[in-house]
Protein backbone atom coordinates (compact mmCIF):
# COMPACT_ATOMS: atom_id res chain seq x y z
CA MET A 1 9.77 -16.25 21.18
CA SER A 2 8.77 -17.92 17.81
CA ASP A 3 7.90 -16.09 14.75
CA ILE A 4 4.14 -16.79 15.16
CA GLU A 5 4.17 -15.46 18.87
CA ILE A 6 5.89 -12.13 17.36
CA LEU A 7 3.01 -11.90 14.82
CA LEU A 8 0.40 -12.30 17.63
CA GLN A 9 2.21 -9.50 19.66
CA VAL A 10 2.11 -7.24 16.49
CA ASP A 11 -1.68 -7.91 16.15
CA ALA A 12 -2.14 -6.97 19.91
CA GLY A 13 -0.26 -3.75 19.14
CA ASN A 14 2.97 -4.54 20.87
CA VAL A 15 5.82 -4.62 18.47
CA PRO A 16 8.83 -6.24 20.23
CA GLU A 17 12.37 -4.68 20.18
CA GLY A 18 14.35 -5.31 17.04
CA VAL A 19 11.12 -6.12 14.96
CA SER A 20 9.53 -4.14 12.12
CA ALA A 21 5.90 -4.40 11.39
CA ILE A 22 4.34 -2.74 8.31
CA PHE A 23 0.58 -2.89 7.99
CA MET A 24 -0.39 -3.14 4.14
CA ASP A 25 -3.79 -1.59 4.44
CA GLU A 26 -2.84 1.80 5.98
CA ASP A 27 -4.88 4.55 4.43
CA ASP A 28 -2.92 6.99 2.37
CA SER A 29 -4.60 10.45 3.43
CA ILE A 30 -2.53 12.38 0.64
CA GLY A 31 -4.83 11.17 -2.08
CA ARG A 32 -7.71 12.18 -0.20
CA TRP A 33 -6.52 15.64 0.51
CA MET A 34 -5.60 15.99 -3.45
CA GLY A 35 -9.29 14.99 -3.98
CA VAL A 36 -10.47 17.65 -1.81
CA VAL A 37 -8.22 20.35 -3.31
CA ILE A 38 -9.37 19.43 -6.83
CA ALA A 39 -13.06 19.50 -5.78
CA LEU A 40 -12.71 22.83 -4.30
CA ALA A 41 -10.63 24.22 -7.25
CA ALA A 42 -13.31 22.96 -9.74
CA ALA A 43 -16.02 24.45 -7.50
CA GLY A 44 -14.29 27.88 -7.43
CA GLY A 45 -13.84 27.80 -11.17
CA ALA A 46 -17.59 27.05 -11.55
CA VAL A 47 -18.33 30.07 -9.38
CA ALA A 48 -15.70 32.26 -11.33
CA CYS A 49 -17.42 31.23 -14.51
CA VAL A 50 -20.97 32.17 -13.36
CA ALA A 51 -19.66 35.51 -11.93
CA ARG A 52 -18.03 36.51 -15.30
CA ALA A 53 -20.93 35.17 -17.23
CA VAL A 54 -18.87 32.77 -19.24
CA ASN A 55 -20.37 30.02 -21.28
CA PRO A 56 -22.84 28.02 -18.79
CA ALA A 57 -21.58 24.79 -20.17
CA ALA A 58 -17.89 25.46 -18.84
CA ALA A 59 -19.58 26.05 -15.21
CA MET A 60 -21.65 22.92 -15.62
CA LEU A 61 -18.58 20.97 -16.55
CA LEU A 62 -16.52 22.36 -13.57
CA LEU A 63 -19.53 21.65 -11.19
CA LEU A 64 -19.55 18.08 -12.62
CA THR A 65 -15.73 17.80 -12.03
CA ALA A 66 -16.17 18.96 -8.38
CA GLY A 67 -19.05 16.58 -7.80
CA LEU A 68 -16.95 13.63 -8.96
CA ALA A 69 -13.92 14.67 -6.97
CA ALA A 70 -16.08 15.01 -3.93
CA LEU A 71 -17.45 11.61 -4.32
CA LYS A 72 -14.03 10.19 -4.71
CA VAL A 73 -13.04 11.77 -1.38
CA VAL A 74 -16.03 10.22 0.59
CA PRO A 75 -15.22 6.87 1.93
CA THR A 76 -17.69 4.11 0.82
CA LEU A 77 -18.85 1.14 3.07
CA PRO A 78 -16.92 -2.02 2.77
CA ASP A 79 -18.76 -5.05 1.31
CA PRO A 80 -19.41 -7.51 4.19
CA ALA A 81 -18.56 -10.41 1.99
CA LYS A 82 -15.16 -8.87 1.52
CA ARG A 83 -14.54 -8.03 4.90
CA ILE A 84 -10.73 -8.91 5.94
CA ILE A 85 -10.72 -10.45 9.50
CA LYS A 86 -7.00 -9.99 9.98
CA ARG A 87 -5.17 -6.84 8.83
CA GLN A 88 -2.49 -7.59 6.14
CA VAL A 89 0.98 -7.15 7.63
CA ALA A 90 4.54 -7.64 6.81
CA VAL A 91 6.74 -8.44 9.89
CA MET A 92 10.64 -8.41 9.59
CA THR A 93 12.43 -10.06 12.51
CA ARG A 94 16.15 -10.72 12.88
CA ASP A 95 15.89 -14.13 11.11
CA ALA A 96 12.68 -14.24 9.29
CA LEU A 97 10.06 -12.42 7.25
CA ILE A 98 6.41 -13.01 7.77
CA ILE A 99 3.66 -11.91 5.40
CA ARG A 100 -0.12 -12.11 6.03
CA ASP A 101 -2.10 -11.05 3.00
CA GLU A 102 -4.92 -12.32 0.69
CA GLN A 103 -2.73 -15.45 0.02
CA GLY A 104 -2.67 -16.19 3.67
CA LEU A 105 0.27 -16.47 5.97
CA ARG A 106 3.58 -16.96 4.47
CA GLN A 107 7.06 -17.03 6.21
CA TRP A 108 10.58 -17.26 5.01
CA GLN A 109 13.86 -17.64 6.96
CA LEU A 110 16.32 -15.04 5.77
CA SER A 111 19.06 -17.70 5.53
CA GLU A 112 16.81 -19.60 2.99
CA LEU A 113 16.60 -16.51 0.63
CA THR A 114 19.35 -15.94 -1.89
CA TYR A 115 18.37 -12.38 -3.11
CA VAL A 116 15.39 -9.96 -3.98
CA VAL A 117 14.28 -8.77 -7.31
CA SER A 118 12.14 -5.74 -7.94
CA HIS A 119 9.52 -6.48 -10.63
CA VAL A 120 6.92 -4.54 -12.35
CA TYR A 121 3.73 -6.65 -13.16
CA ASN A 122 0.52 -5.17 -14.47
CA ARG A 123 1.71 -1.78 -13.70
CA GLN A 124 2.19 -2.77 -10.02
CA SER A 125 5.72 -2.66 -8.28
CA LEU A 126 6.37 -5.94 -6.78
CA LEU A 127 9.27 -7.49 -4.82
CA MET A 128 10.26 -11.08 -5.57
CA LEU A 129 12.08 -12.98 -2.95
CA VAL A 130 14.18 -15.84 -4.49
CA ASP A 131 15.01 -18.79 -2.46
CA CYS A 132 18.04 -21.18 -2.50
CA ARG A 133 16.18 -23.36 -4.99
CA GLY A 134 15.55 -20.60 -7.48
CA ARG A 135 11.83 -20.28 -6.78
CA GLU A 136 10.53 -16.88 -6.79
CA HIS A 137 7.97 -15.69 -4.12
CA ALA A 138 6.08 -12.47 -4.88
CA LEU A 139 5.27 -9.93 -2.07
CA PRO A 140 2.15 -8.05 -2.15
CA PRO A 141 2.13 -4.68 -4.12
CA LEU A 142 3.71 -2.22 -2.07
CA HIS A 143 1.27 0.67 -2.43
CA CYS A 144 0.82 1.23 1.27
CA ARG A 145 2.17 4.49 2.93
CA ARG A 146 4.99 2.58 4.55
CA GLY A 147 5.57 0.09 1.74
CA GLU A 148 8.79 1.58 0.76
CA LYS A 149 10.09 0.91 4.38
CA LEU A 150 9.57 -2.83 3.90
CA ARG A 151 11.45 -2.55 0.46
CA VAL A 152 14.44 -0.94 2.37
CA LEU A 153 14.25 -3.35 5.16
CA ILE A 154 14.47 -6.31 2.74
CA THR A 155 17.32 -4.93 0.52
CA GLN A 156 19.45 -4.07 3.77
CA ARG A 157 19.45 -7.91 4.64
CA LEU A 158 19.37 -9.40 1.19
CA ARG A 159 21.41 -8.50 -1.98
CA VAL A 160 19.56 -7.18 -4.77
CA HIS A 161 19.73 -9.26 -8.04
CA PRO A 162 21.25 -7.42 -11.11
CA ARG A 163 18.12 -7.85 -13.30
CA SER A 164 16.35 -5.53 -10.85
CA LEU A 165 14.86 -2.30 -12.03
């Protein structure tokens, strides 16, 4: 089975044996739960300020904080112009790494890659794949829930360069 056929299988929801698929756009619900907790704590603090007849400005500030935290929790509608047709995914097979992201479909044979370098750019953690010719290829920021799994899968198969963090 070719690498593209494996990617099509992953898109269909069937991950073949020995293949790891990591979807980059998975929603991280921990951040949403933390927003709910902050909104409830701020609302509770506002109620306590009103009950104890504390300065009304403190209660209003806490209510404003609760409202902003609640707005952050509510999902927004996606912009139709920016709608992604295909999900961003990283697929690791026995012999290759396939990435589909905003840069398009990219594929590397593991035999062509020399090592991996972790790099921080613009406050985002990136992995840079270095091929036999010394060219660096940046992987998308690994801010998804299973992004750490991709980092582990790559470092198991490629050696880590000494300049890594």
